[in-house]
Amino acid sequence: MMPRFMDVERIIVPFPTAEDAIPVATQCRSSVLMASIQAIEQHGWMDAYKRAVDPAVLASIQTALVGSWLPIETAAAHYGACDALGVSPLEQLDIGGAVVRRMQQTLLGTIAKVARASGAVSPLTALRRFNQLHARSWVGSAGRVVELGPNDVRLDVVGLPLVHIAYFRTSYRGFLRAGAQLFAEHVIVTEVEPMHPANAVSYRFAWS
């Protein structure tokens, strides 16, 4: 069973609104799904993916305008097809990392550069802006960051129905880890039991 943390917590980044008022995600940025497909192709899974995914879903992603919004049902169909491929968890992490490097490396790299110039840089530099960055990819859902100890935090994301898909949870962990690695040399990101069971996922970040 995944560990769960029940000690007194210090919230570093709160949910942007009352937790029960956070809307469930209804749309996903097309660039997220496009980058995911490109990473799948780079890892040699494209033929298997085409056999697994609904052709109409693939067409809707491939013909979407860059930066447009797609229904969350399209994202669910995409990640459900990915889940059926039999990709190992380690490769799922690598694919998730490739997605963040394709989508946000320039933005996160700029944030990291500014932070280094100020003399203070760590994954918290990006995590403090989690909801701002998250809203670039999803309409609905949000997160909070909770301190567990020195260089040790938990990220709780709620309102994201895709977390019921194992492939999504693992590749998203790779996505988060790759982003954090722009701010620290050694970063470990593990999935932990969510504090909020419905449409929620939690990850623990530890770094040095």
N, C-alpha and C. Protein backbone atom coordinates (compact mmCIF):
# COMPACT_ATOMS: atom_id res chain seq x y z
N MET A 1 0.85 -1.20 0.00
CA MET A 1 0.00 0.00 0.00
C MET A 1 0.88 1.24 0.00
N MET A 2 0.47 2.25 -0.76
CA MET A 2 1.24 3.49 -0.83
C MET A 2 1.18 4.21 0.51
N PRO A 3 2.30 4.87 0.93
CA PRO A 3 2.30 5.58 2.20
C PRO A 3 1.36 6.77 2.18
N ARG A 4 0.84 7.09 3.34
CA ARG A 4 -0.02 8.25 3.47
C ARG A 4 0.49 9.08 4.63
N PHE A 5 0.41 10.38 4.51
CA PHE A 5 0.98 11.28 5.51
C PHE A 5 -0.15 11.98 6.24
N MET A 6 -0.19 11.78 7.56
CA MET A 6 -1.31 12.28 8.34
C MET A 6 -0.86 13.26 9.43
N ASP A 7 0.44 13.59 9.48
CA ASP A 7 0.94 14.50 10.50
C ASP A 7 0.41 15.91 10.25
N VAL A 8 0.67 16.79 11.21
CA VAL A 8 0.30 18.19 11.04
C VAL A 8 1.04 18.74 9.81
N GLU A 9 0.32 19.43 8.95
CA GLU A 9 0.87 19.88 7.68
C GLU A 9 0.92 21.40 7.60
N ARG A 10 1.89 21.88 6.84
CA ARG A 10 1.96 23.31 6.54
C ARG A 10 1.71 23.48 5.06
N ILE A 11 0.64 24.14 4.73
CA ILE A 11 0.28 24.34 3.33
C ILE A 11 1.11 25.47 2.75
N ILE A 12 1.86 25.16 1.72
CA ILE A 12 2.70 26.16 1.06
C ILE A 12 1.92 26.84 -0.06
N VAL A 13 1.21 26.04 -0.84
CA VAL A 13 0.36 26.56 -1.92
C VAL A 13 -1.04 26.02 -1.68
N PRO A 14 -2.00 26.85 -1.35
CA PRO A 14 -3.36 26.36 -1.09
C PRO A 14 -4.11 26.13 -2.40
N PHE A 15 -5.20 25.38 -2.31
CA PHE A 15 -6.11 25.32 -3.44
C PHE A 15 -6.58 26.74 -3.74
N PRO A 16 -6.81 27.07 -5.00
CA PRO A 16 -7.19 28.44 -5.35
C PRO A 16 -8.59 28.84 -4.88
N THR A 17 -9.38 27.85 -4.50
CA THR A 17 -10.72 28.12 -3.99
C THR A 17 -11.05 27.01 -3.01
N ALA A 18 -12.21 27.08 -2.37
CA ALA A 18 -12.61 26.01 -1.47
C ALA A 18 -12.57 24.67 -2.20
N GLU A 19 -12.07 23.67 -1.51
CA GLU A 19 -11.85 22.39 -2.18
C GLU A 19 -13.11 21.85 -2.83
N ASP A 20 -14.24 21.96 -2.15
CA ASP A 20 -15.48 21.42 -2.72
C ASP A 20 -16.03 22.28 -3.85
N ALA A 21 -15.39 23.42 -4.12
CA ALA A 21 -15.82 24.29 -5.21
C ALA A 21 -14.91 24.16 -6.43
N ILE A 22 -13.87 23.35 -6.34
CA ILE A 22 -12.97 23.18 -7.47
C ILE A 22 -13.68 22.36 -8.55
N PRO A 23 -13.81 22.90 -9.74
CA PRO A 23 -14.54 22.18 -10.79
C PRO A 23 -13.74 21.00 -11.34
N VAL A 24 -14.43 19.95 -11.71
CA VAL A 24 -13.80 18.82 -12.38
C VAL A 24 -13.37 19.26 -13.77
N ALA A 25 -12.20 18.83 -14.20
CA ALA A 25 -11.68 19.22 -15.51
C ALA A 25 -12.63 18.78 -16.62
N THR A 26 -12.88 19.70 -17.53
CA THR A 26 -13.77 19.40 -18.66
C THR A 26 -13.05 19.48 -20.01
N GLN A 27 -11.85 20.12 -20.03
CA GLN A 27 -11.13 20.28 -21.29
C GLN A 27 -9.64 20.14 -21.05
N CYS A 28 -8.95 19.72 -22.10
CA CYS A 28 -7.50 19.54 -22.07
C CYS A 28 -6.91 20.30 -23.26
N ARG A 29 -5.79 20.93 -23.05
CA ARG A 29 -5.13 21.65 -24.13
C ARG A 29 -4.66 20.66 -25.20
N SER A 30 -4.91 20.98 -26.45
CA SER A 30 -4.54 20.07 -27.54
C SER A 30 -3.04 19.78 -27.55
N SER A 31 -2.23 20.75 -27.15
CA SER A 31 -0.78 20.56 -27.18
C SER A 31 -0.33 19.47 -26.23
N VAL A 32 -1.08 19.23 -25.13
CA VAL A 32 -0.75 18.14 -24.21
C VAL A 32 -0.86 16.80 -24.92
N LEU A 33 -1.97 16.62 -25.62
CA LEU A 33 -2.21 15.34 -26.29
C LEU A 33 -1.32 15.18 -27.51
N MET A 34 -1.05 16.27 -28.21
CA MET A 34 -0.15 16.20 -29.36
C MET A 34 1.26 15.80 -28.90
N ALA A 35 1.72 16.42 -27.82
CA ALA A 35 3.05 16.09 -27.29
C ALA A 35 3.10 14.65 -26.80
N SER A 36 2.01 14.18 -26.22
CA SER A 36 1.95 12.80 -25.76
C SER A 36 2.06 11.82 -26.93
N ILE A 37 1.33 12.10 -27.99
CA ILE A 37 1.40 11.23 -29.17
C ILE A 37 2.80 11.25 -29.78
N GLN A 38 3.41 12.42 -29.84
CA GLN A 38 4.76 12.52 -30.39
C GLN A 38 5.75 11.72 -29.56
N ALA A 39 5.59 11.75 -28.23
CA ALA A 39 6.48 10.99 -27.36
C ALA A 39 6.25 9.49 -27.55
N ILE A 40 5.00 9.08 -27.71
CA ILE A 40 4.69 7.67 -27.97
C ILE A 40 5.36 7.22 -29.26
N GLU A 41 5.30 8.07 -30.28
CA GLU A 41 5.92 7.73 -31.56
C GLU A 41 7.43 7.62 -31.42
N GLN A 42 8.05 8.54 -30.69
CA GLN A 42 9.49 8.52 -30.48
C GLN A 42 9.94 7.26 -29.75
N HIS A 43 9.07 6.73 -28.92
CA HIS A 43 9.41 5.52 -28.16
C HIS A 43 9.01 4.23 -28.89
N GLY A 44 8.53 4.37 -30.12
CA GLY A 44 8.28 3.19 -30.94
C GLY A 44 6.94 2.50 -30.72
N TRP A 45 5.97 3.22 -30.14
CA TRP A 45 4.68 2.61 -29.83
C TRP A 45 3.55 3.08 -30.75
N MET A 46 3.89 3.80 -31.80
CA MET A 46 2.84 4.44 -32.59
C MET A 46 1.95 3.43 -33.30
N ASP A 47 2.52 2.39 -33.86
CA ASP A 47 1.70 1.41 -34.58
C ASP A 47 0.71 0.74 -33.63
N ALA A 48 1.19 0.38 -32.45
CA ALA A 48 0.31 -0.25 -31.45
C ALA A 48 -0.75 0.73 -30.97
N TYR A 49 -0.34 1.98 -30.82
CA TYR A 49 -1.30 3.01 -30.38
C TYR A 49 -2.42 3.18 -31.41
N LYS A 50 -2.07 3.21 -32.69
CA LYS A 50 -3.08 3.38 -33.74
C LYS A 50 -4.07 2.23 -33.74
N ARG A 51 -3.61 1.04 -33.37
CA ARG A 51 -4.53 -0.10 -33.30
C ARG A 51 -5.44 -0.02 -32.08
N ALA A 52 -4.96 0.66 -31.03
CA ALA A 52 -5.72 0.70 -29.77
C ALA A 52 -6.70 1.86 -29.69
N VAL A 53 -6.38 2.97 -30.36
CA VAL A 53 -7.19 4.17 -30.19
C VAL A 53 -8.31 4.23 -31.23
N ASP A 54 -9.40 4.85 -30.87
CA ASP A 54 -10.49 5.11 -31.81
C ASP A 54 -9.96 6.05 -32.90
N PRO A 55 -10.05 5.68 -34.17
CA PRO A 55 -9.53 6.55 -35.24
C PRO A 55 -10.09 7.96 -35.19
N ALA A 56 -11.34 8.11 -34.77
CA ALA A 56 -11.94 9.44 -34.69
C ALA A 56 -11.26 10.28 -33.61
N VAL A 57 -10.87 9.63 -32.52
CA VAL A 57 -10.17 10.34 -31.45
C VAL A 57 -8.80 10.80 -31.95
N LEU A 58 -8.07 9.91 -32.59
CA LEU A 58 -6.76 10.28 -33.12
C LEU A 58 -6.87 11.42 -34.12
N ALA A 59 -7.86 11.36 -35.00
CA ALA A 59 -8.04 12.42 -35.99
C ALA A 59 -8.35 13.75 -35.32
N SER A 60 -9.17 13.72 -34.28
CA SER A 60 -9.53 14.98 -33.61
C SER A 60 -8.32 15.62 -32.94
N ILE A 61 -7.39 14.80 -32.46
CA ILE A 61 -6.18 15.34 -31.84
C ILE A 61 -5.24 15.88 -32.91
N GLN A 62 -5.03 15.09 -33.94
CA GLN A 62 -4.05 15.46 -34.97
C GLN A 62 -4.48 16.66 -35.80
N THR A 63 -5.79 16.91 -35.89
CA THR A 63 -6.27 18.03 -36.69
C THR A 63 -6.63 19.25 -35.84
N ALA A 64 -6.47 19.14 -34.53
CA ALA A 64 -6.80 20.27 -33.65
C ALA A 64 -5.81 21.41 -33.85
N LEU A 65 -6.29 22.61 -33.71
CA LEU A 65 -5.41 23.77 -33.77
C LEU A 65 -4.48 23.76 -32.56
N VAL A 66 -3.26 24.17 -32.77
CA VAL A 66 -2.30 24.25 -31.67
C VAL A 66 -2.82 25.22 -30.62
N GLY A 67 -2.83 24.78 -29.39
CA GLY A 67 -3.28 25.65 -28.30
C GLY A 67 -4.78 25.68 -28.09
N SER A 68 -5.52 24.88 -28.87
CA SER A 68 -6.97 24.84 -28.70
C SER A 68 -7.33 23.88 -27.57
N TRP A 69 -8.62 23.87 -27.21
CA TRP A 69 -9.10 23.01 -26.14
C TRP A 69 -9.86 21.83 -26.71
N LEU A 70 -9.63 20.64 -26.13
CA LEU A 70 -10.35 19.44 -26.52
C LEU A 70 -11.12 18.90 -25.31
N PRO A 71 -12.25 18.23 -25.55
CA PRO A 71 -13.03 17.70 -24.42
C PRO A 71 -12.23 16.70 -23.60
N ILE A 72 -12.50 16.67 -22.31
CA ILE A 72 -11.79 15.73 -21.44
C ILE A 72 -12.04 14.29 -21.87
N GLU A 73 -13.18 14.04 -22.52
CA GLU A 73 -13.47 12.69 -23.02
C GLU A 73 -12.45 12.26 -24.08
N THR A 74 -11.97 13.22 -24.88
CA THR A 74 -10.94 12.91 -25.87
C THR A 74 -9.65 12.52 -25.18
N ALA A 75 -9.30 13.27 -24.15
CA ALA A 75 -8.09 12.94 -23.38
C ALA A 75 -8.22 11.57 -22.73
N ALA A 76 -9.40 11.27 -22.19
CA ALA A 76 -9.62 9.98 -21.54
C ALA A 76 -9.47 8.84 -22.55
N ALA A 77 -9.99 9.04 -23.74
CA ALA A 77 -9.87 8.01 -24.78
C ALA A 77 -8.41 7.82 -25.18
N HIS A 78 -7.68 8.92 -25.29
CA HIS A 78 -6.26 8.83 -25.64
C HIS A 78 -5.48 8.07 -24.57
N TYR A 79 -5.62 8.48 -23.31
CA TYR A 79 -4.84 7.84 -22.25
C TYR A 79 -5.32 6.42 -21.98
N GLY A 80 -6.62 6.15 -22.23
CA GLY A 80 -7.10 4.79 -22.11
C GLY A 80 -6.44 3.88 -23.14
N ALA A 81 -6.27 4.38 -24.37
CA ALA A 81 -5.59 3.61 -25.40
C ALA A 81 -4.13 3.38 -25.02
N CYS A 82 -3.48 4.40 -24.48
CA CYS A 82 -2.09 4.26 -24.02
C CYS A 82 -1.99 3.21 -22.93
N ASP A 83 -2.98 3.17 -22.07
CA ASP A 83 -2.97 2.23 -20.95
C ASP A 83 -3.03 0.79 -21.43
N ALA A 84 -3.60 0.60 -22.62
CA ALA A 84 -3.77 -0.76 -23.16
C ALA A 84 -2.53 -1.27 -23.90
N LEU A 85 -1.50 -0.43 -24.03
CA LEU A 85 -0.35 -0.80 -24.85
C LEU A 85 0.62 -1.74 -24.16
N GLY A 86 0.61 -1.77 -22.85
CA GLY A 86 1.58 -2.59 -22.13
C GLY A 86 2.94 -1.94 -21.98
N VAL A 87 2.98 -0.62 -22.01
CA VAL A 87 4.24 0.11 -21.81
C VAL A 87 4.67 -0.06 -20.36
N SER A 88 5.95 -0.34 -20.13
CA SER A 88 6.43 -0.54 -18.77
C SER A 88 6.34 0.78 -17.99
N PRO A 89 6.20 0.71 -16.67
CA PRO A 89 6.13 1.94 -15.87
C PRO A 89 7.34 2.85 -16.07
N LEU A 90 8.53 2.28 -16.19
CA LEU A 90 9.72 3.12 -16.38
C LEU A 90 9.64 3.89 -17.69
N GLU A 91 9.15 3.23 -18.73
CA GLU A 91 9.03 3.93 -20.02
C GLU A 91 7.89 4.94 -19.98
N GLN A 92 6.84 4.64 -19.23
CA GLN A 92 5.78 5.62 -19.06
C GLN A 92 6.32 6.90 -18.41
N LEU A 93 7.20 6.74 -17.44
CA LEU A 93 7.83 7.90 -16.81
C LEU A 93 8.64 8.69 -17.84
N ASP A 94 9.39 7.98 -18.67
CA ASP A 94 10.20 8.64 -19.69
C ASP A 94 9.31 9.38 -20.70
N ILE A 95 8.20 8.77 -21.06
CA ILE A 95 7.28 9.42 -22.01
C ILE A 95 6.70 10.68 -21.39
N GLY A 96 6.30 10.61 -20.12
CA GLY A 96 5.80 11.80 -19.44
C GLY A 96 6.84 12.90 -19.38
N GLY A 97 8.10 12.51 -19.14
CA GLY A 97 9.17 13.51 -19.13
C GLY A 97 9.37 14.16 -20.48
N ALA A 98 9.24 13.36 -21.54
CA ALA A 98 9.38 13.91 -22.89
C ALA A 98 8.29 14.93 -23.19
N VAL A 99 7.10 14.70 -22.64
CA VAL A 99 5.99 15.63 -22.86
C VAL A 99 6.30 16.99 -22.24
N VAL A 100 6.77 17.02 -21.00
CA VAL A 100 7.04 18.31 -20.36
C VAL A 100 8.20 19.01 -21.05
N ARG A 101 9.19 18.25 -21.50
CA ARG A 101 10.31 18.89 -22.19
C ARG A 101 9.87 19.50 -23.51
N ARG A 102 8.90 18.87 -24.16
CA ARG A 102 8.39 19.42 -25.42
C ARG A 102 7.51 20.64 -25.18
N MET A 103 6.71 20.59 -24.10
CA MET A 103 5.70 21.62 -23.89
C MET A 103 6.21 22.84 -23.12
N GLN A 104 6.95 22.60 -22.05
CA GLN A 104 7.17 23.69 -21.09
C GLN A 104 8.63 23.93 -20.72
N GLN A 105 9.56 23.27 -21.41
CA GLN A 105 10.94 23.46 -21.02
C GLN A 105 11.37 24.91 -21.15
N THR A 106 10.91 25.59 -22.20
CA THR A 106 11.29 26.99 -22.38
C THR A 106 10.76 27.83 -21.23
N LEU A 107 9.47 27.65 -20.89
CA LEU A 107 8.88 28.42 -19.80
C LEU A 107 9.54 28.09 -18.46
N LEU A 108 9.63 26.80 -18.14
CA LEU A 108 10.23 26.41 -16.88
C LEU A 108 11.71 26.76 -16.83
N GLY A 109 12.39 26.64 -17.97
CA GLY A 109 13.79 27.02 -18.02
C GLY A 109 13.98 28.50 -17.73
N THR A 110 13.07 29.33 -18.22
CA THR A 110 13.14 30.76 -17.94
C THR A 110 12.91 31.02 -16.45
N ILE A 111 11.93 30.33 -15.86
CA ILE A 111 11.68 30.48 -14.42
C ILE A 111 12.91 30.06 -13.63
N ALA A 112 13.53 28.93 -14.02
CA ALA A 112 14.72 28.45 -13.32
C ALA A 112 15.88 29.44 -13.45
N LYS A 113 16.05 30.01 -14.63
CA LYS A 113 17.13 30.97 -14.85
C LYS A 113 16.96 32.20 -13.97
N VAL A 114 15.74 32.71 -13.90
CA VAL A 114 15.47 33.88 -13.05
C VAL A 114 15.71 33.53 -11.59
N ALA A 115 15.29 32.33 -11.18
CA ALA A 115 15.47 31.92 -9.78
C ALA A 115 16.95 31.79 -9.44
N ARG A 116 17.73 31.23 -10.35
CA ARG A 116 19.18 31.08 -10.08
C ARG A 116 19.84 32.44 -9.96
N ALA A 117 19.38 33.38 -10.75
CA ALA A 117 19.95 34.72 -10.68
C ALA A 117 19.69 35.36 -9.32
N SER A 118 18.59 34.98 -8.69
CA SER A 118 18.27 35.53 -7.38
C SER A 118 18.94 34.76 -6.25
N GLY A 119 19.55 33.62 -6.60
CA GLY A 119 20.29 32.85 -5.61
C GLY A 119 19.46 31.82 -4.87
N ALA A 120 18.21 31.63 -5.24
CA ALA A 120 17.35 30.66 -4.56
C ALA A 120 16.56 29.88 -5.59
N VAL A 121 16.90 28.59 -5.74
CA VAL A 121 16.20 27.78 -6.72
C VAL A 121 16.01 26.37 -6.17
N SER A 122 14.84 25.84 -6.32
CA SER A 122 14.51 24.47 -5.94
C SER A 122 13.21 24.12 -6.65
N PRO A 123 12.78 22.86 -6.64
CA PRO A 123 11.49 22.52 -7.24
C PRO A 123 10.34 23.35 -6.70
N LEU A 124 10.47 23.88 -5.49
CA LEU A 124 9.41 24.74 -4.96
C LEU A 124 9.23 25.99 -5.80
N THR A 125 10.30 26.39 -6.49
CA THR A 125 10.20 27.57 -7.35
C THR A 125 9.08 27.38 -8.37
N ALA A 126 9.01 26.19 -8.97
CA ALA A 126 7.95 25.90 -9.93
C ALA A 126 6.66 25.49 -9.24
N LEU A 127 6.77 24.71 -8.16
CA LEU A 127 5.56 24.23 -7.49
C LEU A 127 4.73 25.37 -6.91
N ARG A 128 5.39 26.45 -6.53
CA ARG A 128 4.64 27.60 -6.02
C ARG A 128 3.75 28.20 -7.11
N ARG A 129 4.05 27.90 -8.35
CA ARG A 129 3.27 28.40 -9.47
C ARG A 129 2.45 27.28 -10.12
N PHE A 130 2.25 26.21 -9.36
CA PHE A 130 1.61 25.03 -9.94
C PHE A 130 0.27 25.35 -10.58
N ASN A 131 -0.59 26.04 -9.88
CA ASN A 131 -1.94 26.27 -10.41
C ASN A 131 -1.92 27.16 -11.65
N GLN A 132 -1.00 28.10 -11.68
CA GLN A 132 -0.86 28.94 -12.87
C GLN A 132 -0.42 28.09 -14.06
N LEU A 133 0.56 27.21 -13.83
CA LEU A 133 1.04 26.36 -14.91
C LEU A 133 0.00 25.31 -15.29
N HIS A 134 -0.67 24.76 -14.29
CA HIS A 134 -1.68 23.73 -14.52
C HIS A 134 -2.82 24.26 -15.40
N ALA A 135 -3.20 25.50 -15.17
CA ALA A 135 -4.31 26.09 -15.92
C ALA A 135 -3.97 26.31 -17.39
N ARG A 136 -2.70 26.23 -17.74
CA ARG A 136 -2.31 26.32 -19.14
C ARG A 136 -2.73 25.06 -19.91
N SER A 137 -2.96 23.95 -19.18
CA SER A 137 -3.23 22.67 -19.83
C SER A 137 -4.63 22.12 -19.58
N TRP A 138 -5.31 22.60 -18.51
CA TRP A 138 -6.59 22.01 -18.13
C TRP A 138 -7.59 23.10 -17.80
N VAL A 139 -8.84 22.90 -18.21
CA VAL A 139 -9.94 23.74 -17.76
C VAL A 139 -10.63 22.97 -16.64
N GLY A 140 -10.48 23.46 -15.42
CA GLY A 140 -10.95 22.73 -14.25
C GLY A 140 -9.81 21.97 -13.60
N SER A 141 -10.02 21.56 -12.34
CA SER A 141 -9.05 20.87 -11.49
C SER A 141 -8.02 21.88 -10.97
N ALA A 142 -7.35 21.52 -9.89
CA ALA A 142 -6.38 22.40 -9.26
C ALA A 142 -5.56 21.59 -8.27
N GLY A 143 -4.53 22.23 -7.72
CA GLY A 143 -3.67 21.53 -6.78
C GLY A 143 -3.28 22.38 -5.60
N ARG A 144 -2.70 21.72 -4.61
CA ARG A 144 -2.10 22.40 -3.48
C ARG A 144 -0.79 21.70 -3.15
N VAL A 145 0.11 22.43 -2.50
CA VAL A 145 1.41 21.90 -2.12
C VAL A 145 1.52 21.97 -0.61
N VAL A 146 1.90 20.84 0.00
CA VAL A 146 1.97 20.71 1.45
C VAL A 146 3.39 20.33 1.85
N GLU A 147 3.95 21.03 2.81
CA GLU A 147 5.30 20.73 3.29
C GLU A 147 5.28 19.50 4.20
N LEU A 148 6.17 18.54 3.92
CA LEU A 148 6.33 17.36 4.76
C LEU A 148 7.61 17.41 5.58
N GLY A 149 8.59 18.17 5.10
CA GLY A 149 9.87 18.29 5.77
C GLY A 149 10.81 19.08 4.89
N PRO A 150 12.07 19.23 5.29
CA PRO A 150 13.04 19.95 4.44
C PRO A 150 13.18 19.26 3.08
N ASN A 151 13.03 20.02 2.03
CA ASN A 151 13.14 19.49 0.67
C ASN A 151 12.22 18.29 0.44
N ASP A 152 11.02 18.38 0.98
CA ASP A 152 10.10 17.25 0.96
C ASP A 152 8.67 17.80 1.01
N VAL A 153 7.92 17.65 -0.10
CA VAL A 153 6.56 18.20 -0.15
C VAL A 153 5.63 17.19 -0.80
N ARG A 154 4.35 17.41 -0.60
CA ARG A 154 3.33 16.62 -1.29
C ARG A 154 2.48 17.54 -2.15
N LEU A 155 2.23 17.10 -3.37
CA LEU A 155 1.33 17.81 -4.28
C LEU A 155 0.03 17.03 -4.36
N ASP A 156 -1.08 17.67 -4.01
CA ASP A 156 -2.41 17.08 -4.14
C ASP A 156 -3.11 17.73 -5.32
N VAL A 157 -3.54 16.93 -6.28
CA VAL A 157 -4.29 17.44 -7.43
C VAL A 157 -5.69 16.86 -7.36
N VAL A 158 -6.70 17.70 -7.41
CA VAL A 158 -8.09 17.25 -7.33
C VAL A 158 -8.86 17.73 -8.56
N GLY A 159 -9.93 17.00 -8.87
CA GLY A 159 -10.78 17.39 -9.98
C GLY A 159 -10.29 16.93 -11.34
N LEU A 160 -9.41 15.92 -11.37
CA LEU A 160 -8.83 15.46 -12.63
C LEU A 160 -9.25 14.00 -12.86
N PRO A 161 -10.32 13.76 -13.61
CA PRO A 161 -10.85 12.40 -13.76
C PRO A 161 -9.90 11.42 -14.43
N LEU A 162 -8.90 11.92 -15.15
CA LEU A 162 -7.96 11.03 -15.83
C LEU A 162 -7.11 10.22 -14.86
N VAL A 163 -7.08 10.59 -13.59
CA VAL A 163 -6.23 9.88 -12.63
C VAL A 163 -6.72 8.45 -12.39
N HIS A 164 -7.89 8.12 -12.88
CA HIS A 164 -8.37 6.75 -12.76
C HIS A 164 -7.68 5.84 -13.78
N ILE A 165 -6.92 6.42 -14.69
CA ILE A 165 -6.18 5.66 -15.70
C ILE A 165 -4.74 5.52 -15.23
N ALA A 166 -4.28 4.29 -15.04
CA ALA A 166 -2.95 4.05 -14.48
C ALA A 166 -1.85 4.68 -15.33
N TYR A 167 -1.97 4.56 -16.65
CA TYR A 167 -0.95 5.14 -17.53
C TYR A 167 -0.84 6.64 -17.31
N PHE A 168 -1.97 7.31 -17.17
CA PHE A 168 -1.93 8.76 -16.97
C PHE A 168 -1.21 9.10 -15.67
N ARG A 169 -1.54 8.41 -14.58
CA ARG A 169 -0.92 8.73 -13.30
C ARG A 169 0.60 8.59 -13.36
N THR A 170 1.07 7.52 -14.02
CA THR A 170 2.51 7.29 -14.09
C THR A 170 3.20 8.27 -15.03
N SER A 171 2.62 8.48 -16.20
CA SER A 171 3.26 9.43 -17.13
C SER A 171 3.20 10.85 -16.58
N TYR A 172 2.14 11.17 -15.85
CA TYR A 172 2.05 12.49 -15.23
C TYR A 172 3.13 12.64 -14.15
N ARG A 173 3.43 11.56 -13.46
CA ARG A 173 4.54 11.59 -12.49
C ARG A 173 5.85 11.88 -13.21
N GLY A 174 6.05 11.26 -14.37
CA GLY A 174 7.25 11.56 -15.15
C GLY A 174 7.28 12.99 -15.63
N PHE A 175 6.11 13.51 -15.99
CA PHE A 175 5.97 14.91 -16.40
C PHE A 175 6.41 15.84 -15.26
N LEU A 176 5.90 15.57 -14.06
CA LEU A 176 6.23 16.41 -12.91
C LEU A 176 7.71 16.28 -12.53
N ARG A 177 8.23 15.07 -12.60
CA ARG A 177 9.64 14.86 -12.25
C ARG A 177 10.56 15.60 -13.20
N ALA A 178 10.29 15.52 -14.49
CA ALA A 178 11.13 16.20 -15.47
C ALA A 178 11.10 17.71 -15.26
N GLY A 179 9.93 18.25 -14.93
CA GLY A 179 9.86 19.67 -14.64
C GLY A 179 10.66 20.03 -13.41
N ALA A 180 10.57 19.21 -12.35
CA ALA A 180 11.31 19.49 -11.11
C ALA A 180 12.81 19.38 -11.32
N GLN A 181 13.24 18.51 -12.23
CA GLN A 181 14.67 18.32 -12.45
C GLN A 181 15.34 19.53 -13.09
N LEU A 182 14.57 20.47 -13.58
CA LEU A 182 15.16 21.72 -14.06
C LEU A 182 15.62 22.60 -12.90
N PHE A 183 15.18 22.24 -11.68
CA PHE A 183 15.43 23.08 -10.51
C PHE A 183 16.28 22.40 -9.45
N ALA A 184 16.57 21.12 -9.59
CA ALA A 184 17.39 20.40 -8.63
C ALA A 184 18.05 19.22 -9.33
N GLU A 185 19.27 18.90 -8.92
CA GLU A 185 20.01 17.84 -9.59
C GLU A 185 19.41 16.47 -9.32
N HIS A 186 19.00 16.22 -8.09
CA HIS A 186 18.45 14.92 -7.72
C HIS A 186 17.03 15.10 -7.20
N VAL A 187 16.07 14.54 -7.92
CA VAL A 187 14.66 14.67 -7.56
C VAL A 187 14.02 13.29 -7.61
N ILE A 188 13.28 12.95 -6.57
CA ILE A 188 12.49 11.72 -6.54
C ILE A 188 11.03 12.12 -6.41
N VAL A 189 10.20 11.61 -7.30
CA VAL A 189 8.76 11.86 -7.24
C VAL A 189 8.06 10.51 -7.16
N THR A 190 7.29 10.30 -6.11
CA THR A 190 6.56 9.05 -5.92
C THR A 190 5.09 9.34 -5.76
N GLU A 191 4.27 8.41 -6.23
CA GLU A 191 2.83 8.54 -6.01
C GLU A 191 2.49 8.04 -4.62
N VAL A 192 1.68 8.79 -3.90
CA VAL A 192 1.25 8.39 -2.56
C VAL A 192 -0.27 8.35 -2.54
N GLU A 193 -0.81 7.72 -1.51
CA GLU A 193 -2.27 7.62 -1.43
C GLU A 193 -2.88 9.00 -1.37
N PRO A 194 -3.82 9.31 -2.24
CA PRO A 194 -4.38 10.67 -2.25
C PRO A 194 -5.15 10.98 -0.98
N MET A 195 -5.03 12.23 -0.55
CA MET A 195 -5.77 12.68 0.61
C MET A 195 -7.25 12.84 0.29
N HIS A 196 -7.56 12.92 -1.00
CA HIS A 196 -8.93 13.17 -1.46
C HIS A 196 -9.21 12.12 -2.53
N PRO A 197 -10.04 11.11 -2.25
CA PRO A 197 -10.14 9.95 -3.14
C PRO A 197 -10.80 10.18 -4.49
N ALA A 198 -11.72 11.12 -4.61
CA ALA A 198 -12.47 11.28 -5.85
C ALA A 198 -11.72 12.15 -6.86
N ASN A 199 -11.40 11.58 -8.02
CA ASN A 199 -10.73 12.35 -9.10
C ASN A 199 -9.48 13.05 -8.58
N ALA A 200 -8.72 12.37 -7.72
CA ALA A 200 -7.56 13.01 -7.09
C ALA A 200 -6.34 12.11 -7.18
N VAL A 201 -5.18 12.75 -7.17
CA VAL A 201 -3.91 12.03 -7.13
C VAL A 201 -2.93 12.87 -6.32
N SER A 202 -2.02 12.20 -5.61
CA SER A 202 -1.03 12.90 -4.80
C SER A 202 0.35 12.36 -5.11
N TYR A 203 1.33 13.26 -5.13
CA TYR A 203 2.71 12.88 -5.39
C TYR A 203 3.60 13.52 -4.33
N ARG A 204 4.61 12.77 -3.92
CA ARG A 204 5.60 13.29 -2.98
C ARG A 204 6.87 13.63 -3.74
N PHE A 205 7.38 14.83 -3.51
CA PHE A 205 8.62 15.32 -4.10
C PHE A 205 9.69 15.38 -3.01
N ALA A 206 10.85 14.80 -3.27
CA ALA A 206 12.00 14.94 -2.39
C ALA A 206 13.21 15.24 -3.27
N TRP A 207 14.05 16.16 -2.84
CA TRP A 207 15.16 16.57 -3.69
C TRP A 207 16.39 16.95 -2.87
N SER A 208 17.51 17.00 -3.56
CA SER A 208 18.77 17.43 -2.93
C SER A 208 19.62 18.13 -3.98
